[in-house]
C-alpha atoms as a PDB file:
ATOM      1  CA  UNK A   1     -16.651 -43.610 -34.376  1.00  0.00           C
ATOM      2  CA  UNK A   2     -13.135 -42.277 -34.379  1.00  0.00           C
ATOM      3  CA  UNK A   3     -14.021 -39.867 -37.131  1.00  0.00           C
ATOM      4  CA  UNK A   4     -16.897 -38.483 -35.076  1.00  0.00           C
ATOM      5  CA  UNK A   5     -14.623 -38.050 -32.052  1.00  0.00           C
ATOM      6  CA  UNK A   6     -11.965 -36.328 -34.154  1.00  0.00           C
ATOM      7  CA  UNK A   7     -14.574 -34.005 -35.680  1.00  0.00           C
ATOM      8  CA  UNK A   8     -16.041 -33.244 -32.255  1.00  0.00           C
ATOM      9  CA  UNK A   9     -12.584 -32.487 -30.888  1.00  0.00           C
ATOM     10  CA  UNK A  10     -11.833 -30.247 -33.870  1.00  0.00           C
ATOM     11  CA  UNK A  11     -15.138 -28.415 -33.422  1.00  0.00           C
ATOM     12  CA  UNK A  12     -14.440 -27.931 -29.710  1.00  0.00           C
ATOM     13  CA  UNK A  13     -10.969 -26.593 -30.516  1.00  0.00           C
ATOM     14  CA  UNK A  14     -12.434 -24.130 -33.011  1.00  0.00           C
ATOM     15  CA  UNK A  15     -15.002 -22.979 -30.465  1.00  0.00           C
ATOM     16  CA  UNK A  16     -12.297 -22.435 -27.856  1.00  0.00           C
ATOM     17  CA  UNK A  17     -10.172 -20.562 -30.385  1.00  0.00           C
ATOM     18  CA  UNK A  18     -13.153 -18.410 -31.370  1.00  0.00           C
ATOM     19  CA  UNK A  19     -13.860 -17.577 -27.737  1.00  0.00           C
ATOM     20  CA  UNK A  20     -10.218 -16.901 -27.080  1.00  0.00           C
ATOM     21  CA  UNK A  21     -10.245 -13.469 -28.762  1.00  0.00           C
ATOM     22  CA  UNK A  22     -13.393 -12.534 -26.902  1.00  0.00           C
ATOM     23  CA  UNK A  23     -11.873 -13.738 -23.645  1.00  0.00           C
ATOM     24  CA  UNK A  24      -8.683 -11.807 -24.327  1.00  0.00           C
ATOM     25  CA  UNK A  25     -10.685  -8.669 -25.076  1.00  0.00           C
ATOM     26  CA  UNK A  26     -12.679  -9.066 -21.879  1.00  0.00           C
ATOM     27  CA  UNK A  27      -9.513  -9.662 -19.881  1.00  0.00           C
ATOM     28  CA  UNK A  28      -7.888  -6.586 -21.402  1.00  0.00           C
ATOM     29  CA  UNK A  29     -10.961  -4.496 -20.620  1.00  0.00           C
ATOM     30  CA  UNK A  30     -10.980  -5.795 -17.053  1.00  0.00           C
ATOM     31  CA  UNK A  31      -7.288  -4.969 -16.700  1.00  0.00           C
ATOM     32  CA  UNK A  32      -7.896  -1.451 -18.054  1.00  0.00           C
ATOM     33  CA  UNK A  33     -10.757  -0.983 -15.610  1.00  0.00           C
ATOM     34  CA  UNK A  34      -8.614  -2.225 -12.714  1.00  0.00           C
ATOM     35  CA  UNK A  35      -5.818   0.132 -13.748  1.00  0.00           C
ATOM     36  CA  UNK A  36      -8.191   3.086 -13.894  1.00  0.00           C
ATOM     37  CA  UNK A  37      -9.644   2.197 -10.511  1.00  0.00           C
ATOM     38  CA  UNK A  38      -6.153   1.947  -9.035  1.00  0.00           C
ATOM     39  CA  UNK A  39      -5.173   5.323 -10.470  1.00  0.00           C
ATOM     40  CA  UNK A  40      -8.375   6.881  -9.136  1.00  0.00           C
ATOM     41  CA  UNK A  41      -7.768   5.390  -5.702  1.00  0.00           C
ATOM     42  CA  UNK A  42      -4.217   6.742  -5.725  1.00  0.00           C
ATOM     43  CA  UNK A  43      -5.484  10.229  -6.596  1.00  0.00           C
ATOM     44  CA  UNK A  44      -8.103  10.048  -3.856  1.00  0.00           C
ATOM     45  CA  UNK A  45      -5.475   8.923  -1.363  1.00  0.00           C
ATOM     46  CA  UNK A  46      -3.181  11.773  -2.340  1.00  0.00           C
ATOM     47  CA  UNK A  47      -6.005  14.298  -1.966  1.00  0.00           C
ATOM     48  CA  UNK A  48      -7.022  12.859   1.406  1.00  0.00           C
ATOM     49  CA  UNK A  49      -3.419  12.883   2.597  1.00  0.00           C
ATOM     50  CA  UNK A  50      -3.028  16.511   1.560  1.00  0.00           C
ATOM     51  CA  UNK A  51      -6.244  17.472   3.360  1.00  0.00           C
ATOM     52  CA  UNK A  52      -5.172  15.571   6.481  1.00  0.00           C
ATOM     53  CA  UNK A  53      -1.802  17.312   6.439  1.00  0.00           C
ATOM     54  CA  UNK A  54      -3.505  20.709   6.183  1.00  0.00           C
ATOM     55  CA  UNK A  55      -5.795  19.815   9.100  1.00  0.00           C
ATOM     56  CA  UNK A  56      -2.805  18.652  11.146  1.00  0.00           C
ATOM     57  CA  UNK A  57      -0.980  21.910  10.401  1.00  0.00           C
ATOM     58  CA  UNK A  58      -4.010  23.929  11.551  1.00  0.00           C
ATOM     59  CA  UNK A  59      -4.253  21.869  14.733  1.00  0.00           C
ATOM     60  CA  UNK A  60      -0.544  22.361  15.379  1.00  0.00           C
ATOM     61  CA  UNK A  61      -0.913  26.116  14.926  1.00  0.00           C
ATOM     62  CA  UNK A  62      -3.859  26.200  17.347  1.00  0.00           C
ATOM     63  CA  UNK A  63      -1.909  24.133  19.880  1.00  0.00           C
ATOM     64  CA  UNK A  64       1.103  26.443  19.567  1.00  0.00           C
ATOM     65  CA  UNK A  65      -1.134  29.492  20.072  1.00  0.00           C
ATOM     66  CA  UNK A  66      -2.769  27.922  23.117  1.00  0.00           C
ATOM     67  CA  UNK A  67       0.645  27.041  24.563  1.00  0.00           C
ATOM     68  CA  UNK A  68       1.915  30.569  24.005  1.00  0.00           C
ATOM     69  CA  UNK A  69      -1.204  32.003  25.662  1.00  0.00           C
ATOM     70  CA  UNK A  70      -0.827  29.635  28.624  1.00  0.00           C
ATOM     71  CA  UNK A  71       2.844  30.577  28.967  1.00  0.00           C
ATOM     72  CA  UNK A  72       1.901  34.267  28.943  1.00  0.00           C
ATOM     73  CA  UNK A  73      -0.713  33.715  31.649  1.00  0.00           C
ATOM     74  CA  UNK A  74       1.774  31.719  33.746  1.00  0.00           C
ATOM     75  CA  UNK A  75       4.366  34.450  33.342  1.00  0.00           C
ATOM     76  CA  UNK A  76       1.918  37.160  34.418  1.00  0.00           C
ATOM     77  CA  UNK A  77       0.817  35.121  37.448  1.00  0.00           C
ATOM     78  CA  UNK A  78       4.420  34.437  38.428  1.00  0.00           C
ATOM     79  CA  UNK A  79       5.241  38.122  38.128  1.00  0.00           C
ATOM     80  CA  UNK A  80       2.171  39.076  40.162  1.00  0.00           C
ATOM     81  CA  UNK A  81       3.116  36.577  42.856  1.00  0.00           C
ATOM     82  CA  UNK A  82       6.689  37.891  42.938  1.00  0.00           C
ATOM     83  CA  UNK A  83       5.413  41.476  43.215  1.00  0.00           C
ATOM     84  CA  UNK A  84       3.045  40.509  46.013  1.00  0.00           C
ATOM     85  CA  UNK A  85       5.861  38.748  47.846  1.00  0.00           C
ATOM     86  CA  UNK A  86       8.112  41.769  47.416  1.00  0.00           C
ATOM     87  CA  UNK A  87       5.456  44.093  48.898  1.00  0.00           C
ATOM     88  CA  UNK A  88       5.147  41.955  52.015  1.00  0.00           C
ATOM     89  CA  UNK A  89       8.796  42.287  52.960  1.00  0.00           C
END
């Protein structure tokens, strides 16, 4: 009985050892895949950040143009009001 148990334990150990290389290979492949996915995600994030920065710069330029135009209109209206006031004196 003991001999059978020892042989069964030895066979189980050999099976685990045989699977170990396969398991290690699968784990290494999974780690490689995870690393590639992480690198790809980092590249996508960098590209998206760059595009968002470009969009923000365009929006800032448009806002600056609109502010300058509004300031010009305000200046012209102020000048027109001052001229009108001066004519009424």
